[in-house]
PDB file of N, CA and C in Angstrom:
ATOM      1  N   MET A   1      14.990   0.373  -6.070  1.00  0.00           N
ATOM      2  CA  MET A   1      16.047   0.820  -6.948  1.00  0.00           C
ATOM      3  C   MET A   1      15.389   1.386  -8.205  1.00  0.00           C
ATOM      4  N   THR A   2      15.809   2.559  -8.605  1.00  0.00           N
ATOM      5  CA  THR A   2      15.300   3.206  -9.805  1.00  0.00           C
ATOM      6  C   THR A   2      16.486   3.538 -10.700  1.00  0.00           C
ATOM      7  N   VAL A   3      16.379   3.162 -11.958  1.00  0.00           N
ATOM      8  CA  VAL A   3      17.440   3.405 -12.926  1.00  0.00           C
ATOM      9  C   VAL A   3      16.975   4.490 -13.889  1.00  0.00           C
ATOM     10  N   SER A   4      17.819   5.486 -14.061  1.00  0.00           N
ATOM     11  CA  SER A   4      17.548   6.573 -14.995  1.00  0.00           C
ATOM     12  C   SER A   4      18.869   6.996 -15.617  1.00  0.00           C
ATOM     13  N   PRO A   5      19.266   6.338 -16.701  1.00  0.00           N
ATOM     14  CA  PRO A   5      20.613   6.509 -17.237  1.00  0.00           C
ATOM     15  C   PRO A   5      20.992   7.921 -17.679  1.00  0.00           C
ATOM     16  N   THR A   6      20.030   8.796 -17.878  1.00  0.00           N
ATOM     17  CA  THR A   6      20.361  10.119 -18.409  1.00  0.00           C
ATOM     18  C   THR A   6      20.448  11.225 -17.359  1.00  0.00           C
ATOM     19  N   LEU A   7      20.141  10.915 -16.098  1.00  0.00           N
ATOM     20  CA  LEU A   7      20.111  11.959 -15.075  1.00  0.00           C
ATOM     21  C   LEU A   7      21.405  12.032 -14.262  1.00  0.00           C
ATOM     22  N   ALA A   8      21.818  13.252 -13.966  1.00  0.00           N
ATOM     23  CA  ALA A   8      22.971  13.495 -13.097  1.00  0.00           C
ATOM     24  C   ALA A   8      22.561  13.213 -11.645  1.00  0.00           C
ATOM     25  N   PRO A   9      23.526  13.023 -10.749  1.00  0.00           N
ATOM     26  CA  PRO A   9      23.193  12.712  -9.353  1.00  0.00           C
ATOM     27  C   PRO A   9      22.236  13.714  -8.688  1.00  0.00           C
ATOM     28  N   GLN A  10      22.420  15.002  -8.936  1.00  0.00           N
ATOM     29  CA  GLN A  10      21.544  16.013  -8.343  1.00  0.00           C
ATOM     30  C   GLN A  10      20.108  15.855  -8.853  1.00  0.00           C
ATOM     31  N   GLU A  11      19.969  15.564 -10.132  1.00  0.00           N
ATOM     32  CA  GLU A  11      18.636  15.368 -10.710  1.00  0.00           C
ATOM     33  C   GLU A  11      17.998  14.092 -10.180  1.00  0.00           C
ATOM     34  N   VAL A  12      18.785  13.044 -10.032  1.00  0.00           N
ATOM     35  CA  VAL A  12      18.276  11.792  -9.470  1.00  0.00           C
ATOM     36  C   VAL A  12      17.750  12.047  -8.063  1.00  0.00           C
ATOM     37  N   GLU A  13      18.529  12.776  -7.257  1.00  0.00           N
ATOM     38  CA  GLU A  13      18.119  13.087  -5.884  1.00  0.00           C
ATOM     39  C   GLU A  13      16.814  13.874  -5.858  1.00  0.00           C
ATOM     40  N   GLN A  14      16.748  14.922  -6.664  1.00  0.00           N
ATOM     41  CA  GLN A  14      15.596  15.823  -6.654  1.00  0.00           C
ATOM     42  C   GLN A  14      14.355  15.193  -7.278  1.00  0.00           C
ATOM     43  N   LEU A  15      14.502  14.529  -8.409  1.00  0.00           N
ATOM     44  CA  LEU A  15      13.352  14.054  -9.170  1.00  0.00           C
ATOM     45  C   LEU A  15      12.887  12.642  -8.815  1.00  0.00           C
ATOM     46  N   ILE A  16      13.776  11.839  -8.234  1.00  0.00           N
ATOM     47  CA  ILE A  16      13.422  10.441  -7.972  1.00  0.00           C
ATOM     48  C   ILE A  16      13.548  10.095  -6.494  1.00  0.00           C
ATOM     49  N   THR A  17      14.748  10.231  -5.932  1.00  0.00           N
ATOM     50  CA  THR A  17      14.989   9.777  -4.564  1.00  0.00           C
ATOM     51  C   THR A  17      14.113  10.503  -3.553  1.00  0.00           C
ATOM     52  N   PHE A  18      14.092  11.818  -3.607  1.00  0.00           N
ATOM     53  CA  PHE A  18      13.330  12.584  -2.617  1.00  0.00           C
ATOM     54  C   PHE A  18      11.837  12.260  -2.648  1.00  0.00           C
ATOM     55  N   PRO A  19      11.175  12.256  -3.815  1.00  0.00           N
ATOM     56  CA  PRO A  19       9.749  11.889  -3.815  1.00  0.00           C
ATOM     57  C   PRO A  19       9.484  10.480  -3.267  1.00  0.00           C
ATOM     58  N   ILE A  20      10.379   9.540  -3.558  1.00  0.00           N
ATOM     59  CA  ILE A  20      10.195   8.182  -3.043  1.00  0.00           C
ATOM     60  C   ILE A  20      10.369   8.167  -1.525  1.00  0.00           C
ATOM     61  N   GLU A  21      11.378   8.877  -1.016  1.00  0.00           N
ATOM     62  CA  GLU A  21      11.577   8.948   0.437  1.00  0.00           C
ATOM     63  C   GLU A  21      10.354   9.532   1.141  1.00  0.00           C
ATOM     64  N   ILE A  22       9.792  10.585   0.585  1.00  0.00           N
ATOM     65  CA  ILE A  22       8.606  11.211   1.177  1.00  0.00           C
ATOM     66  C   ILE A  22       7.442  10.225   1.201  1.00  0.00           C
ATOM     67  N   ALA A  23       7.237   9.515   0.106  1.00  0.00           N
ATOM     68  CA  ALA A  23       6.149   8.528   0.045  1.00  0.00           C
ATOM     69  C   ALA A  23       6.358   7.425   1.081  1.00  0.00           C
ATOM     70  N   MET A  24       7.590   6.973   1.238  1.00  0.00           N
ATOM     71  CA  MET A  24       7.875   5.890   2.182  1.00  0.00           C
ATOM     72  C   MET A  24       7.743   6.357   3.628  1.00  0.00           C
ATOM     73  N   SER A  25       7.917   7.644   3.870  1.00  0.00           N
ATOM     74  CA  SER A  25       7.808   8.154   5.242  1.00  0.00           C
ATOM     75  C   SER A  25       6.367   8.106   5.746  1.00  0.00           C
ATOM     76  N   ASN A  26       5.407   7.876   4.857  1.00  0.00           N
ATOM     77  CA  ASN A  26       4.002   7.775   5.255  1.00  0.00           C
ATOM     78  C   ASN A  26       3.616   6.383   5.726  1.00  0.00           C
ATOM     79  N   ILE A  27       4.522   5.418   5.665  1.00  0.00           N
ATOM     80  CA  ILE A  27       4.231   4.040   6.039  1.00  0.00           C
ATOM     81  C   ILE A  27       4.446   3.859   7.544  1.00  0.00           C
ATOM     82  N   MET A  28       3.512   3.176   8.187  1.00  0.00           N
ATOM     83  CA  MET A  28       3.645   2.901   9.625  1.00  0.00           C
ATOM     84  C   MET A  28       4.654   1.774   9.858  1.00  0.00           C
ATOM     85  N   ASN A  29       5.211   1.755  11.039  1.00  0.00           N
ATOM     86  CA  ASN A  29       6.144   0.723  11.501  1.00  0.00           C
ATOM     87  C   ASN A  29       7.473   0.721  10.747  1.00  0.00           C
ATOM     88  N   VAL A  30       7.862   1.868  10.220  1.00  0.00           N
ATOM     89  CA  VAL A  30       9.162   2.004   9.567  1.00  0.00           C
ATOM     90  C   VAL A  30      10.161   2.502  10.599  1.00  0.00           C
ATOM     91  N   GLU A  31      11.286   1.813  10.707  1.00  0.00           N
ATOM     92  CA  GLU A  31      12.337   2.222  11.641  1.00  0.00           C
ATOM     93  C   GLU A  31      13.321   3.196  11.017  1.00  0.00           C
ATOM     94  N   GLU A  32      13.619   2.977   9.735  1.00  0.00           N
ATOM     95  CA  GLU A  32      14.658   3.784   9.099  1.00  0.00           C
ATOM     96  C   GLU A  32      14.461   3.795   7.590  1.00  0.00           C
ATOM     97  N   ILE A  33      14.797   4.932   6.976  1.00  0.00           N
ATOM     98  CA  ILE A  33      14.812   5.060   5.517  1.00  0.00           C
ATOM     99  C   ILE A  33      16.195   5.568   5.136  1.00  0.00           C
ATOM    100  N   ARG A  34      16.880   4.822   4.265  1.00  0.00           N
ATOM    101  CA  ARG A  34      18.214   5.214   3.788  1.00  0.00           C
ATOM    102  C   ARG A  34      18.150   5.359   2.275  1.00  0.00           C
ATOM    103  N   SER A  35      18.983   6.233   1.741  1.00  0.00           N
ATOM    104  CA  SER A  35      18.986   6.390   0.287  1.00  0.00           C
ATOM    105  C   SER A  35      20.370   6.754  -0.230  1.00  0.00           C
ATOM    106  N   VAL A  36      20.584   6.408  -1.504  1.00  0.00           N
ATOM    107  CA  VAL A  36      21.808   6.745  -2.211  1.00  0.00           C
ATOM    108  C   VAL A  36      21.401   7.207  -3.599  1.00  0.00           C
ATOM    109  N   SER A  37      21.925   8.319  -4.030  1.00  0.00           N
ATOM    110  CA  SER A  37      21.685   8.821  -5.379  1.00  0.00           C
ATOM    111  C   SER A  37      23.019   8.921  -6.105  1.00  0.00           C
ATOM    112  N   ARG A  38      23.104   8.266  -7.220  1.00  0.00           N
ATOM    113  CA  ARG A  38      24.314   8.282  -8.048  1.00  0.00           C
ATOM    114  C   ARG A  38      23.919   8.662  -9.470  1.00  0.00           C
ATOM    115  N   PHE A  39      24.899   8.755 -10.341  1.00  0.00           N
ATOM    116  CA  PHE A  39      24.620   9.047 -11.747  1.00  0.00           C
ATOM    117  C   PHE A  39      23.724   7.946 -12.310  1.00  0.00           C
ATOM    118  N   GLY A  40      22.470   8.298 -12.615  1.00  0.00           N
ATOM    119  CA  GLY A  40      21.540   7.358 -13.226  1.00  0.00           C
ATOM    120  C   GLY A  40      20.952   6.314 -12.303  1.00  0.00           C
ATOM    121  N   LEU A  41      21.151   6.433 -10.982  1.00  0.00           N
ATOM    122  CA  LEU A  41      20.685   5.401 -10.061  1.00  0.00           C
ATOM    123  C   LEU A  41      20.191   6.010  -8.756  1.00  0.00           C
ATOM    124  N   SER A  42      19.041   5.540  -8.312  1.00  0.00           N
ATOM    125  CA  SER A  42      18.510   5.906  -7.007  1.00  0.00           C
ATOM    126  C   SER A  42      18.208   4.617  -6.256  1.00  0.00           C
ATOM    127  N   LEU A  43      18.710   4.515  -5.037  1.00  0.00           N
ATOM    128  CA  LEU A  43      18.464   3.340  -4.214  1.00  0.00           C
ATOM    129  C   LEU A  43      17.899   3.809  -2.879  1.00  0.00           C
ATOM    130  N   VAL A  44      16.670   3.386  -2.584  1.00  0.00           N
ATOM    131  CA  VAL A  44      16.022   3.735  -1.324  1.00  0.00           C
ATOM    132  C   VAL A  44      15.776   2.440  -0.564  1.00  0.00           C
ATOM    133  N   THR A  45      16.256   2.388   0.677  1.00  0.00           N
ATOM    134  CA  THR A  45      16.078   1.220   1.529  1.00  0.00           C
ATOM    135  C   THR A  45      15.164   1.592   2.686  1.00  0.00           C
ATOM    136  N   VAL A  46      14.130   0.787   2.883  1.00  0.00           N
ATOM    137  CA  VAL A  46      13.186   1.008   3.972  1.00  0.00           C
ATOM    138  C   VAL A  46      13.327  -0.152   4.952  1.00  0.00           C
ATOM    139  N   VAL A  47      13.604   0.170   6.214  1.00  0.00           N
ATOM    140  CA  VAL A  47      13.759  -0.846   7.256  1.00  0.00           C
ATOM    141  C   VAL A  47      12.518  -0.797   8.147  1.00  0.00           C
ATOM    142  N   PHE A  48      11.839  -1.940   8.238  1.00  0.00           N
ATOM    143  CA  PHE A  48      10.637  -2.047   9.061  1.00  0.00           C
ATOM    144  C   PHE A  48      10.969  -2.615  10.433  1.00  0.00           C
ATOM    145  N   LYS A  49      10.055  -2.403  11.365  1.00  0.00           N
ATOM    146  CA  LYS A  49      10.172  -3.035  12.676  1.00  0.00           C
ATOM    147  C   LYS A  49      10.132  -4.544  12.496  1.00  0.00           C
ATOM    148  N   GLU A  50      10.778  -5.250  13.389  1.00  0.00           N
ATOM    149  CA  GLU A  50      10.884  -6.706  13.339  1.00  0.00           C
ATOM    150  C   GLU A  50       9.517  -7.386  13.274  1.00  0.00           C
ATOM    151  N   SER A  51       8.505  -6.781  13.861  1.00  0.00           N
ATOM    152  CA  SER A  51       7.176  -7.393  13.943  1.00  0.00           C
ATOM    153  C   SER A  51       6.394  -7.361  12.626  1.00  0.00           C
ATOM    154  N   VAL A  52       6.864  -6.627  11.630  1.00  0.00           N
ATOM    155  CA  VAL A  52       6.141  -6.512  10.363  1.00  0.00           C
ATOM    156  C   VAL A  52       6.506  -7.690   9.459  1.00  0.00           C
ATOM    157  N   PRO A  53       5.502  -8.504   9.063  1.00  0.00           N
ATOM    158  CA  PRO A  53       5.784  -9.621   8.160  1.00  0.00           C
ATOM    159  C   PRO A  53       6.320  -9.129   6.814  1.00  0.00           C
ATOM    160  N   THR A  54       7.207  -9.886   6.218  1.00  0.00           N
ATOM    161  CA  THR A  54       7.859  -9.495   4.968  1.00  0.00           C
ATOM    162  C   THR A  54       6.840  -9.214   3.869  1.00  0.00           C
ATOM    163  N   LEU A  55       5.843 -10.069   3.724  1.00  0.00           N
ATOM    164  CA  LEU A  55       4.850  -9.854   2.658  1.00  0.00           C
ATOM    165  C   LEU A  55       4.055  -8.571   2.876  1.00  0.00           C
ATOM    166  N   ASP A  56       3.745  -8.264   4.114  1.00  0.00           N
ATOM    167  CA  ASP A  56       3.048  -7.004   4.414  1.00  0.00           C
ATOM    168  C   ASP A  56       3.928  -5.808   4.067  1.00  0.00           C
ATOM    169  N   ALA A  57       5.204  -5.895   4.415  1.00  0.00           N
ATOM    170  CA  ALA A  57       6.135  -4.802   4.114  1.00  0.00           C
ATOM    171  C   ALA A  57       6.230  -4.584   2.606  1.00  0.00           C
ATOM    172  N   ARG A  58       6.344  -5.667   1.865  1.00  0.00           N
ATOM    173  CA  ARG A  58       6.430  -5.537   0.405  1.00  0.00           C
ATOM    174  C   ARG A  58       5.160  -4.920  -0.181  1.00  0.00           C
ATOM    175  N   GLN A  59       4.013  -5.307   0.353  1.00  0.00           N
ATOM    176  CA  GLN A  59       2.750  -4.743  -0.127  1.00  0.00           C
ATOM    177  C   GLN A  59       2.678  -3.249   0.164  1.00  0.00           C
ATOM    178  N   LEU A  60       3.079  -2.851   1.358  1.00  0.00           N
ATOM    179  CA  LEU A  60       3.069  -1.435   1.713  1.00  0.00           C
ATOM    180  C   LEU A  60       3.995  -0.631   0.809  1.00  0.00           C
ATOM    181  N   ILE A  61       5.184  -1.166   0.534  1.00  0.00           N
ATOM    182  CA  ILE A  61       6.134  -0.493  -0.356  1.00  0.00           C
ATOM    183  C   ILE A  61       5.544  -0.368  -1.751  1.00  0.00           C
ATOM    184  N   ASN A  62       4.962  -1.454  -2.255  1.00  0.00           N
ATOM    185  CA  ASN A  62       4.382  -1.442  -3.596  1.00  0.00           C
ATOM    186  C   ASN A  62       3.268  -0.404  -3.711  1.00  0.00           C
ATOM    187  N   GLU A  63       2.436  -0.303  -2.694  1.00  0.00           N
ATOM    188  CA  GLU A  63       1.357   0.687  -2.709  1.00  0.00           C
ATOM    189  C   GLU A  63       1.916   2.104  -2.794  1.00  0.00           C
ATOM    190  N   GLN A  64       2.971   2.378  -2.038  1.00  0.00           N
ATOM    191  CA  GLN A  64       3.559   3.718  -2.052  1.00  0.00           C
ATOM    192  C   GLN A  64       4.268   4.006  -3.377  1.00  0.00           C
ATOM    193  N   ILE A  65       4.888   2.991  -3.958  1.00  0.00           N
ATOM    194  CA  ILE A  65       5.526   3.187  -5.268  1.00  0.00           C
ATOM    195  C   ILE A  65       4.469   3.535  -6.314  1.00  0.00           C
ATOM    196  N   GLN A  66       3.329   2.857  -6.254  1.00  0.00           N
ATOM    197  CA  GLN A  66       2.252   3.164  -7.195  1.00  0.00           C
ATOM    198  C   GLN A  66       1.762   4.608  -7.003  1.00  0.00           C
ATOM    199  N   THR A  67       1.696   5.033  -5.753  1.00  0.00           N
ATOM    200  CA  THR A  67       1.243   6.391  -5.449  1.00  0.00           C
ATOM    201  C   THR A  67       2.197   7.442  -5.997  1.00  0.00           C
ATOM    202  N   VAL A  68       3.489   7.226  -5.848  1.00  0.00           N
ATOM    203  CA  VAL A  68       4.492   8.224  -6.234  1.00  0.00           C
ATOM    204  C   VAL A  68       4.911   8.105  -7.700  1.00  0.00           C
ATOM    205  N   SER A  69       4.554   7.044  -8.364  1.00  0.00           N
ATOM    206  CA  SER A  69       5.030   6.824  -9.741  1.00  0.00           C
ATOM    207  C   SER A  69       4.640   7.952 -10.696  1.00  0.00           C
ATOM    208  N   GLY A  70       3.548   8.634 -10.436  1.00  0.00           N
ATOM    209  CA  GLY A  70       3.147   9.752 -11.278  1.00  0.00           C
ATOM    210  C   GLY A  70       4.046  10.970 -11.131  1.00  0.00           C
ATOM    211  N   GLU A  71       4.804  11.030 -10.043  1.00  0.00           N
ATOM    212  CA  GLU A  71       5.707  12.162  -9.802  1.00  0.00           C
ATOM    213  C   GLU A  71       7.100  11.931 -10.369  1.00  0.00           C
ATOM    214  N   ILE A  72       7.423  10.675 -10.688  1.00  0.00           N
ATOM    215  CA  ILE A  72       8.747  10.341 -11.213  1.00  0.00           C
ATOM    216  C   ILE A  72       8.751  10.562 -12.718  1.00  0.00           C
ATOM    217  N   PRO A  73       9.774  11.214 -13.249  1.00  0.00           N
ATOM    218  CA  PRO A  73       9.813  11.457 -14.688  1.00  0.00           C
ATOM    219  C   PRO A  73       9.710  10.148 -15.483  1.00  0.00           C
ATOM    220  N   PRO A  74       9.077  10.211 -16.660  1.00  0.00           N
ATOM    221  CA  PRO A  74       8.959   9.008 -17.486  1.00  0.00           C
ATOM    222  C   PRO A  74      10.333   8.472 -17.909  1.00  0.00           C
ATOM    223  N   ARG A  75      10.341   7.232 -18.328  1.00  0.00           N
ATOM    224  CA  ARG A  75      11.544   6.532 -18.782  1.00  0.00           C
ATOM    225  C   ARG A  75      12.497   6.184 -17.644  1.00  0.00           C
ATOM    226  N   ASN A  76      11.943   5.975 -16.463  1.00  0.00           N
ATOM    227  CA  ASN A  76      12.727   5.487 -15.338  1.00  0.00           C
ATOM    228  C   ASN A  76      12.141   4.150 -14.935  1.00  0.00           C
ATOM    229  N   TRP A  77      12.973   3.267 -14.470  1.00  0.00           N
ATOM    230  CA  TRP A  77      12.532   1.933 -14.126  1.00  0.00           C
ATOM    231  C   TRP A  77      12.666   1.723 -12.641  1.00  0.00           C
ATOM    232  N   VAL A  78      11.536   1.411 -11.985  1.00  0.00           N
ATOM    233  CA  VAL A  78      11.522   1.159 -10.559  1.00  0.00           C
ATOM    234  C   VAL A  78      11.514  -0.340 -10.342  1.00  0.00           C
ATOM    235  N   HIS A  79      12.423  -0.815  -9.510  1.00  0.00           N
ATOM    236  CA  HIS A  79      12.558  -2.242  -9.225  1.00  0.00           C
ATOM    237  C   HIS A  79      12.319  -2.461  -7.741  1.00  0.00           C
ATOM    238  N   PRO A  80      11.079  -2.815  -7.329  1.00  0.00           N
ATOM    239  CA  PRO A  80      10.881  -3.123  -5.903  1.00  0.00           C
ATOM    240  C   PRO A  80      11.588  -4.431  -5.562  1.00  0.00           C
ATOM    241  N   SER A  81      12.331  -4.443  -4.490  1.00  0.00           N
ATOM    242  CA  SER A  81      13.059  -5.652  -4.094  1.00  0.00           C
ATOM    243  C   SER A  81      12.609  -6.124  -2.743  1.00  0.00           C
TER     244      SER A  81
END
C-alpha cells in the first residue's frame, strides 16, 4: 500500500502502481498480481503459489520495493504488509 495524498488516480496509477506492478512481475512463483489506484492511494496485492513460505514471500516483496523505490516520486509512503 502506498499513500500519496496529493496525486489524482491517474497519477497514482502511472507514477506508483504501474512501476510497483512491473517490479513485482519479476518475482518467481507469483500466481497473480492485483492492483487498485484511487485518489492518493495505490494498493498492489501479490499472490504467491501455496508452496512459497510467508517469510520468503515477504523478503522477495521487500527486495523489489527497495529496487523500485527510486522510481516512485518522493513524499510517498510505502507500507509492505
